[in-house]
């Protein structure tokens, strides 16, 4: 694991050309994905999501609010690294915890279609709280 490099809050308008391709790749890998890259751009520009960048990659974070309990969760919506397999989540846990606490969140959540992430996340203190299955009508 490399040394932690703190991601910086970044204006998506200043780096859209750089991150649009990786975002497209991520979204193209999600079955039945209804989000387009411009949705992510719009959420960031309108303050409903935040883009954090560092030399190793970027993350788009947003807050999810449970409609019943009103519990707030910091959601890792999009995460991209230039070099995979370096276990970057481990080095970012403390930073993510600080962001979550500053945003009055009770949980940090991440969604992924990458099967290798499951065991890695479980081995590092995360738990599975939901699985979603879809069928086209």
N, C-alpha and C. Protein backbone atom coordinates (compact mmCIF):
# COMPACT_ATOMS: atom_id res chain seq x y z
N UNK A 1 0.84 -1.18 0.00
CA UNK A 1 0.00 0.00 0.00
C UNK A 1 0.89 1.24 0.00
N UNK A 2 0.56 2.17 -0.88
CA UNK A 2 1.32 3.40 -0.98
C UNK A 2 0.94 4.36 0.15
N UNK A 3 1.75 5.40 0.29
CA UNK A 3 1.49 6.44 1.29
C UNK A 3 0.20 7.17 0.93
N UNK A 4 -0.59 7.53 1.94
CA UNK A 4 -1.85 8.24 1.73
C UNK A 4 -1.59 9.62 1.15
N UNK A 5 -2.33 9.95 0.12
CA UNK A 5 -2.30 11.28 -0.50
C UNK A 5 -3.72 11.82 -0.39
N UNK A 6 -3.89 12.89 0.37
CA UNK A 6 -5.24 13.41 0.60
C UNK A 6 -5.85 13.96 -0.68
N UNK A 7 -7.02 13.45 -1.06
CA UNK A 7 -7.71 13.99 -2.23
C UNK A 7 -8.18 15.42 -1.95
N UNK A 8 -8.22 16.21 -2.99
CA UNK A 8 -8.64 17.61 -2.87
C UNK A 8 -9.98 17.81 -3.55
N UNK A 9 -10.86 18.55 -2.89
CA UNK A 9 -12.13 18.92 -3.49
C UNK A 9 -11.83 19.70 -4.77
N UNK A 10 -12.42 19.27 -5.87
CA UNK A 10 -12.09 19.82 -7.18
C UNK A 10 -13.35 20.21 -7.94
N UNK A 11 -13.32 21.33 -8.63
CA UNK A 11 -14.42 21.77 -9.48
C UNK A 11 -14.45 20.89 -10.72
N UNK A 12 -15.53 20.14 -10.90
CA UNK A 12 -15.64 19.20 -12.02
C UNK A 12 -15.49 19.91 -13.37
N UNK A 13 -15.86 21.17 -13.44
CA UNK A 13 -15.76 21.91 -14.71
C UNK A 13 -14.32 22.11 -15.15
N UNK A 14 -13.38 22.05 -14.20
CA UNK A 14 -11.97 22.28 -14.52
C UNK A 14 -11.26 21.02 -15.03
N UNK A 15 -11.88 19.86 -14.86
CA UNK A 15 -11.19 18.62 -15.22
C UNK A 15 -12.10 17.62 -15.93
N UNK A 16 -13.24 18.09 -16.42
CA UNK A 16 -14.22 17.19 -17.02
C UNK A 16 -13.63 16.36 -18.16
N UNK A 17 -12.86 16.95 -19.02
CA UNK A 17 -12.28 16.21 -20.14
C UNK A 17 -11.36 15.09 -19.65
N UNK A 18 -10.70 15.29 -18.54
CA UNK A 18 -9.79 14.30 -17.97
C UNK A 18 -10.53 13.12 -17.32
N UNK A 19 -11.66 13.38 -16.68
CA UNK A 19 -12.34 12.33 -15.93
C UNK A 19 -13.53 11.72 -16.66
N UNK A 20 -14.00 12.34 -17.72
CA UNK A 20 -15.18 11.82 -18.42
C UNK A 20 -14.95 10.41 -18.94
N UNK A 21 -13.79 10.14 -19.55
CA UNK A 21 -13.49 8.81 -20.08
C UNK A 21 -13.52 7.72 -19.01
N UNK A 22 -12.80 7.91 -17.90
CA UNK A 22 -12.88 6.91 -16.83
C UNK A 22 -14.29 6.73 -16.27
N UNK A 23 -15.05 7.82 -16.17
CA UNK A 23 -16.43 7.71 -15.69
C UNK A 23 -17.25 6.88 -16.68
N UNK A 24 -17.07 7.11 -17.98
CA UNK A 24 -17.77 6.31 -19.00
C UNK A 24 -17.43 4.84 -18.84
N UNK A 25 -16.15 4.53 -18.64
CA UNK A 25 -15.73 3.13 -18.47
C UNK A 25 -16.41 2.48 -17.27
N UNK A 26 -16.47 3.20 -16.17
CA UNK A 26 -17.12 2.68 -14.96
C UNK A 26 -18.60 2.44 -15.23
N UNK A 27 -19.28 3.43 -15.79
CA UNK A 27 -20.72 3.30 -16.03
C UNK A 27 -21.03 2.21 -17.04
N UNK A 28 -20.18 2.06 -18.06
CA UNK A 28 -20.39 1.01 -19.07
C UNK A 28 -20.28 -0.38 -18.46
N UNK A 29 -19.60 -0.52 -17.34
CA UNK A 29 -19.44 -1.81 -16.68
C UNK A 29 -20.56 -2.16 -15.72
N UNK A 30 -21.54 -1.26 -15.58
CA UNK A 30 -22.66 -1.49 -14.66
C UNK A 30 -23.87 -1.96 -15.46
N UNK A 31 -24.32 -3.18 -15.23
CA UNK A 31 -25.50 -3.66 -15.95
C UNK A 31 -26.73 -2.79 -15.65
N UNK A 32 -27.50 -2.51 -16.66
CA UNK A 32 -28.75 -1.74 -16.53
C UNK A 32 -28.51 -0.34 -15.96
N UNK A 33 -27.34 0.22 -16.19
CA UNK A 33 -27.03 1.54 -15.64
C UNK A 33 -27.91 2.61 -16.29
N UNK A 34 -28.53 3.41 -15.48
CA UNK A 34 -29.40 4.48 -15.97
C UNK A 34 -28.75 5.85 -15.84
N UNK A 35 -27.53 5.88 -15.34
CA UNK A 35 -26.80 7.13 -15.15
C UNK A 35 -25.90 7.35 -16.35
N UNK A 36 -25.86 8.58 -16.83
CA UNK A 36 -24.92 8.95 -17.89
C UNK A 36 -23.87 9.87 -17.27
N UNK A 37 -22.70 9.98 -17.88
CA UNK A 37 -21.65 10.82 -17.28
C UNK A 37 -22.11 12.25 -16.98
N UNK A 38 -22.94 12.79 -17.83
CA UNK A 38 -23.41 14.16 -17.63
C UNK A 38 -24.29 14.30 -16.39
N UNK A 39 -24.92 13.21 -15.95
CA UNK A 39 -25.66 13.24 -14.68
C UNK A 39 -24.70 13.50 -13.52
N UNK A 40 -23.56 12.84 -13.55
CA UNK A 40 -22.55 13.02 -12.51
C UNK A 40 -22.02 14.45 -12.55
N UNK A 41 -21.74 14.93 -13.74
CA UNK A 41 -21.29 16.31 -13.92
C UNK A 41 -22.31 17.28 -13.30
N UNK A 42 -23.57 17.08 -13.65
CA UNK A 42 -24.63 17.96 -13.15
C UNK A 42 -24.75 17.92 -11.63
N UNK A 43 -24.67 16.72 -11.05
CA UNK A 43 -24.76 16.60 -9.60
C UNK A 43 -23.61 17.35 -8.92
N UNK A 44 -22.42 17.28 -9.50
CA UNK A 44 -21.26 17.99 -8.94
C UNK A 44 -21.43 19.50 -9.09
N UNK A 45 -21.79 19.95 -10.27
CA UNK A 45 -21.93 21.39 -10.52
C UNK A 45 -23.01 21.98 -9.63
N UNK A 46 -24.06 21.22 -9.37
CA UNK A 46 -25.18 21.72 -8.57
C UNK A 46 -25.04 21.44 -7.08
N UNK A 47 -23.88 20.94 -6.66
CA UNK A 47 -23.59 20.80 -5.24
C UNK A 47 -24.21 19.59 -4.56
N UNK A 48 -24.76 18.66 -5.33
CA UNK A 48 -25.36 17.46 -4.72
C UNK A 48 -24.37 16.30 -4.67
N UNK A 49 -23.20 16.49 -5.25
CA UNK A 49 -22.10 15.51 -5.19
C UNK A 49 -20.81 16.31 -5.21
N UNK A 50 -19.73 15.68 -4.74
CA UNK A 50 -18.43 16.35 -4.69
C UNK A 50 -17.39 15.47 -5.36
N UNK A 51 -16.54 16.11 -6.14
CA UNK A 51 -15.44 15.43 -6.80
C UNK A 51 -14.17 15.69 -5.99
N UNK A 52 -13.49 14.60 -5.62
CA UNK A 52 -12.20 14.69 -4.93
C UNK A 52 -11.15 14.02 -5.81
N UNK A 53 -10.05 14.72 -6.05
CA UNK A 53 -8.99 14.19 -6.91
C UNK A 53 -7.66 14.16 -6.18
N UNK A 54 -6.83 13.18 -6.58
CA UNK A 54 -5.45 13.12 -6.12
C UNK A 54 -4.63 12.53 -7.25
N UNK A 55 -3.36 12.37 -7.02
CA UNK A 55 -2.48 11.83 -8.06
C UNK A 55 -2.77 10.37 -8.37
N UNK A 56 -3.49 9.67 -7.48
CA UNK A 56 -3.77 8.25 -7.73
C UNK A 56 -5.11 8.03 -8.41
N UNK A 57 -5.98 9.05 -8.44
CA UNK A 57 -7.29 8.89 -9.08
C UNK A 57 -8.28 9.90 -8.56
N UNK A 58 -9.55 9.51 -8.56
CA UNK A 58 -10.59 10.44 -8.09
C UNK A 58 -11.77 9.67 -7.52
N UNK A 59 -12.58 10.39 -6.73
CA UNK A 59 -13.82 9.86 -6.16
C UNK A 59 -14.91 10.91 -6.30
N UNK A 60 -16.10 10.44 -6.57
CA UNK A 60 -17.28 11.29 -6.53
C UNK A 60 -18.09 10.79 -5.34
N UNK A 61 -18.32 11.69 -4.40
CA UNK A 61 -19.04 11.36 -3.17
C UNK A 61 -20.36 12.12 -3.14
N UNK A 62 -21.34 11.52 -2.51
CA UNK A 62 -22.63 12.18 -2.32
C UNK A 62 -23.22 11.71 -1.00
N UNK A 63 -24.25 12.38 -0.57
CA UNK A 63 -24.93 12.00 0.67
C UNK A 63 -26.25 11.34 0.31
N UNK A 64 -26.48 10.16 0.88
CA UNK A 64 -27.77 9.49 0.75
C UNK A 64 -28.50 9.64 2.07
N UNK A 65 -29.80 9.94 1.99
CA UNK A 65 -30.61 10.06 3.19
C UNK A 65 -31.69 8.98 3.13
N UNK A 66 -31.73 8.14 4.15
CA UNK A 66 -32.74 7.09 4.21
C UNK A 66 -34.12 7.76 4.30
N UNK A 67 -35.05 7.37 3.43
CA UNK A 67 -36.36 8.05 3.41
C UNK A 67 -37.20 7.82 4.67
N UNK A 68 -36.87 6.81 5.46
CA UNK A 68 -37.67 6.51 6.65
C UNK A 68 -37.00 6.99 7.93
N UNK A 69 -35.74 6.61 8.11
CA UNK A 69 -35.06 6.97 9.36
C UNK A 69 -34.37 8.33 9.28
N UNK A 70 -34.19 8.82 8.07
CA UNK A 70 -33.47 10.09 7.81
C UNK A 70 -31.98 9.98 8.12
N UNK A 71 -31.49 8.74 8.31
CA UNK A 71 -30.07 8.51 8.55
C UNK A 71 -29.28 8.90 7.31
N UNK A 72 -28.21 9.63 7.52
CA UNK A 72 -27.37 10.10 6.42
C UNK A 72 -26.16 9.18 6.26
N UNK A 73 -25.85 8.88 4.99
CA UNK A 73 -24.69 8.06 4.66
C UNK A 73 -23.86 8.75 3.61
N UNK A 74 -22.55 8.72 3.79
CA UNK A 74 -21.64 9.21 2.76
C UNK A 74 -21.46 8.08 1.76
N UNK A 75 -21.86 8.31 0.53
CA UNK A 75 -21.79 7.29 -0.51
C UNK A 75 -20.60 7.55 -1.43
N UNK A 76 -19.76 6.54 -1.56
CA UNK A 76 -18.70 6.57 -2.58
C UNK A 76 -19.40 6.17 -3.86
N UNK A 77 -19.81 7.14 -4.65
CA UNK A 77 -20.63 6.92 -5.83
C UNK A 77 -19.76 6.40 -6.98
N UNK A 78 -18.65 7.07 -7.21
CA UNK A 78 -17.71 6.69 -8.26
C UNK A 78 -16.31 6.72 -7.65
N UNK A 79 -15.54 5.69 -7.90
CA UNK A 79 -14.15 5.67 -7.45
C UNK A 79 -13.29 5.14 -8.59
N UNK A 80 -12.25 5.87 -8.92
CA UNK A 80 -11.37 5.48 -10.03
C UNK A 80 -9.92 5.66 -9.59
N UNK A 81 -9.12 4.65 -9.86
CA UNK A 81 -7.68 4.75 -9.63
C UNK A 81 -6.96 4.44 -10.93
N UNK A 82 -5.84 5.12 -11.13
CA UNK A 82 -5.06 4.90 -12.34
C UNK A 82 -4.43 3.51 -12.34
N UNK A 83 -4.10 3.00 -11.15
CA UNK A 83 -3.46 1.69 -11.01
C UNK A 83 -4.26 0.87 -10.00
N UNK A 84 -4.90 -0.21 -10.46
CA UNK A 84 -5.74 -1.00 -9.57
C UNK A 84 -4.90 -1.98 -8.74
N UNK A 85 -5.54 -2.52 -7.71
CA UNK A 85 -4.90 -3.55 -6.90
C UNK A 85 -3.97 -3.05 -5.82
N UNK A 86 -4.00 -1.76 -5.52
CA UNK A 86 -3.10 -1.21 -4.50
C UNK A 86 -3.78 -0.99 -3.15
N UNK A 87 -5.01 -1.45 -3.02
CA UNK A 87 -5.74 -1.37 -1.75
C UNK A 87 -5.86 0.07 -1.23
N UNK A 88 -6.27 0.97 -2.08
CA UNK A 88 -6.37 2.38 -1.72
C UNK A 88 -7.47 2.67 -0.71
N UNK A 89 -8.48 1.81 -0.59
CA UNK A 89 -9.53 2.06 0.39
C UNK A 89 -8.97 2.09 1.80
N UNK A 90 -8.06 1.17 2.10
CA UNK A 90 -7.51 1.09 3.46
C UNK A 90 -6.88 2.41 3.87
N UNK A 91 -6.11 3.00 2.99
CA UNK A 91 -5.43 4.25 3.34
C UNK A 91 -6.38 5.44 3.38
N UNK A 92 -7.58 5.31 2.85
CA UNK A 92 -8.53 6.42 2.82
C UNK A 92 -9.61 6.34 3.90
N UNK A 93 -9.64 5.29 4.69
CA UNK A 93 -10.72 5.11 5.67
C UNK A 93 -10.79 6.25 6.67
N UNK A 94 -9.66 6.65 7.23
CA UNK A 94 -9.67 7.74 8.21
C UNK A 94 -10.16 9.05 7.57
N UNK A 95 -9.70 9.33 6.38
CA UNK A 95 -10.12 10.53 5.65
C UNK A 95 -11.62 10.49 5.37
N UNK A 96 -12.13 9.34 4.91
CA UNK A 96 -13.56 9.19 4.65
C UNK A 96 -14.36 9.34 5.93
N UNK A 97 -13.86 8.78 7.04
CA UNK A 97 -14.54 8.94 8.33
C UNK A 97 -14.66 10.40 8.72
N UNK A 98 -13.60 11.17 8.52
CA UNK A 98 -13.64 12.60 8.84
C UNK A 98 -14.68 13.32 7.98
N UNK A 99 -14.72 13.01 6.68
CA UNK A 99 -15.72 13.63 5.80
C UNK A 99 -17.13 13.26 6.25
N UNK A 100 -17.33 11.98 6.55
CA UNK A 100 -18.66 11.52 6.96
C UNK A 100 -19.12 12.22 8.24
N UNK A 101 -18.23 12.29 9.23
CA UNK A 101 -18.59 12.95 10.49
C UNK A 101 -18.89 14.43 10.27
N UNK A 102 -18.09 15.09 9.43
CA UNK A 102 -18.31 16.51 9.15
C UNK A 102 -19.63 16.76 8.43
N UNK A 103 -20.15 15.73 7.78
CA UNK A 103 -21.43 15.84 7.05
C UNK A 103 -22.59 15.22 7.83
N UNK A 104 -22.37 14.95 9.12
CA UNK A 104 -23.40 14.35 9.98
C UNK A 104 -23.90 13.01 9.46
N UNK A 105 -22.99 12.23 8.90
CA UNK A 105 -23.35 10.91 8.40
C UNK A 105 -23.07 9.84 9.46
N UNK A 106 -23.90 8.81 9.46
CA UNK A 106 -23.76 7.71 10.38
C UNK A 106 -22.96 6.57 9.74
N UNK A 107 -23.05 6.47 8.42
CA UNK A 107 -22.39 5.39 7.69
C UNK A 107 -21.61 5.93 6.51
N UNK A 108 -20.67 5.12 6.06
CA UNK A 108 -20.02 5.30 4.76
C UNK A 108 -20.44 4.10 3.94
N UNK A 109 -20.91 4.33 2.73
CA UNK A 109 -21.34 3.25 1.85
C UNK A 109 -20.59 3.32 0.54
N UNK A 110 -20.44 2.16 -0.08
CA UNK A 110 -19.83 2.08 -1.40
C UNK A 110 -20.60 1.04 -2.20
N UNK A 111 -20.80 1.32 -3.46
CA UNK A 111 -21.45 0.37 -4.37
C UNK A 111 -20.43 -0.01 -5.42
N UNK A 112 -20.42 -1.30 -5.77
CA UNK A 112 -19.46 -1.75 -6.78
C UNK A 112 -19.99 -2.98 -7.48
N UNK A 113 -19.70 -3.09 -8.77
CA UNK A 113 -20.01 -4.31 -9.52
C UNK A 113 -18.76 -5.15 -9.70
N UNK A 114 -17.67 -4.74 -9.08
CA UNK A 114 -16.40 -5.46 -9.18
C UNK A 114 -16.42 -6.59 -8.15
N UNK A 115 -16.49 -7.85 -8.59
CA UNK A 115 -16.61 -8.96 -7.63
C UNK A 115 -15.44 -9.05 -6.65
N UNK A 116 -14.25 -8.69 -7.07
CA UNK A 116 -13.07 -8.78 -6.20
C UNK A 116 -13.16 -7.81 -5.02
N UNK A 117 -13.99 -6.80 -5.12
CA UNK A 117 -14.12 -5.82 -4.03
C UNK A 117 -14.80 -6.43 -2.80
N UNK A 118 -15.67 -7.41 -3.01
CA UNK A 118 -16.46 -7.92 -1.89
C UNK A 118 -15.59 -8.49 -0.78
N UNK A 119 -14.75 -9.42 -1.09
CA UNK A 119 -13.93 -10.04 -0.05
C UNK A 119 -12.95 -9.03 0.54
N UNK A 120 -12.41 -8.18 -0.30
CA UNK A 120 -11.49 -7.14 0.18
C UNK A 120 -12.19 -6.23 1.19
N UNK A 121 -13.41 -5.79 0.85
CA UNK A 121 -14.15 -4.92 1.76
C UNK A 121 -14.48 -5.64 3.07
N UNK A 122 -14.94 -6.88 2.96
CA UNK A 122 -15.28 -7.65 4.16
C UNK A 122 -14.07 -7.87 5.05
N UNK A 123 -12.92 -8.12 4.44
CA UNK A 123 -11.68 -8.33 5.21
C UNK A 123 -11.20 -7.07 5.92
N UNK A 124 -11.73 -5.90 5.50
CA UNK A 124 -11.29 -4.63 6.07
C UNK A 124 -12.38 -3.90 6.85
N UNK A 125 -13.33 -4.68 7.40
CA UNK A 125 -14.30 -4.10 8.32
C UNK A 125 -15.62 -3.65 7.72
N UNK A 126 -15.78 -3.71 6.42
CA UNK A 126 -17.05 -3.34 5.80
C UNK A 126 -17.98 -4.53 5.91
N UNK A 127 -19.28 -4.28 5.82
CA UNK A 127 -20.24 -5.37 5.81
C UNK A 127 -21.21 -5.18 4.65
N UNK A 128 -21.75 -6.28 4.19
CA UNK A 128 -22.75 -6.23 3.11
C UNK A 128 -24.08 -5.88 3.74
N UNK A 129 -24.70 -4.82 3.26
CA UNK A 129 -25.98 -4.40 3.81
C UNK A 129 -27.10 -4.52 2.78
N UNK A 130 -26.74 -4.76 1.52
CA UNK A 130 -27.76 -4.80 0.49
C UNK A 130 -27.19 -5.47 -0.75
N UNK A 131 -28.03 -6.24 -1.42
CA UNK A 131 -27.72 -6.75 -2.76
C UNK A 131 -28.95 -6.46 -3.60
N UNK A 132 -28.76 -5.98 -4.80
CA UNK A 132 -29.87 -5.63 -5.68
C UNK A 132 -29.83 -6.54 -6.90
N UNK A 133 -30.96 -7.16 -7.21
CA UNK A 133 -31.09 -8.02 -8.38
C UNK A 133 -32.10 -7.41 -9.31
N UNK A 134 -31.83 -7.44 -10.61
CA UNK A 134 -32.70 -6.82 -11.60
C UNK A 134 -33.01 -7.80 -12.72
N UNK A 135 -34.18 -7.63 -13.31
CA UNK A 135 -34.57 -8.37 -14.50
C UNK A 135 -35.33 -7.41 -15.39
N UNK A 136 -35.02 -7.45 -16.66
CA UNK A 136 -35.69 -6.55 -17.60
C UNK A 136 -37.12 -7.03 -17.84
N UNK A 137 -38.05 -6.10 -17.93
CA UNK A 137 -39.47 -6.41 -18.16
C UNK A 137 -39.78 -6.23 -19.63
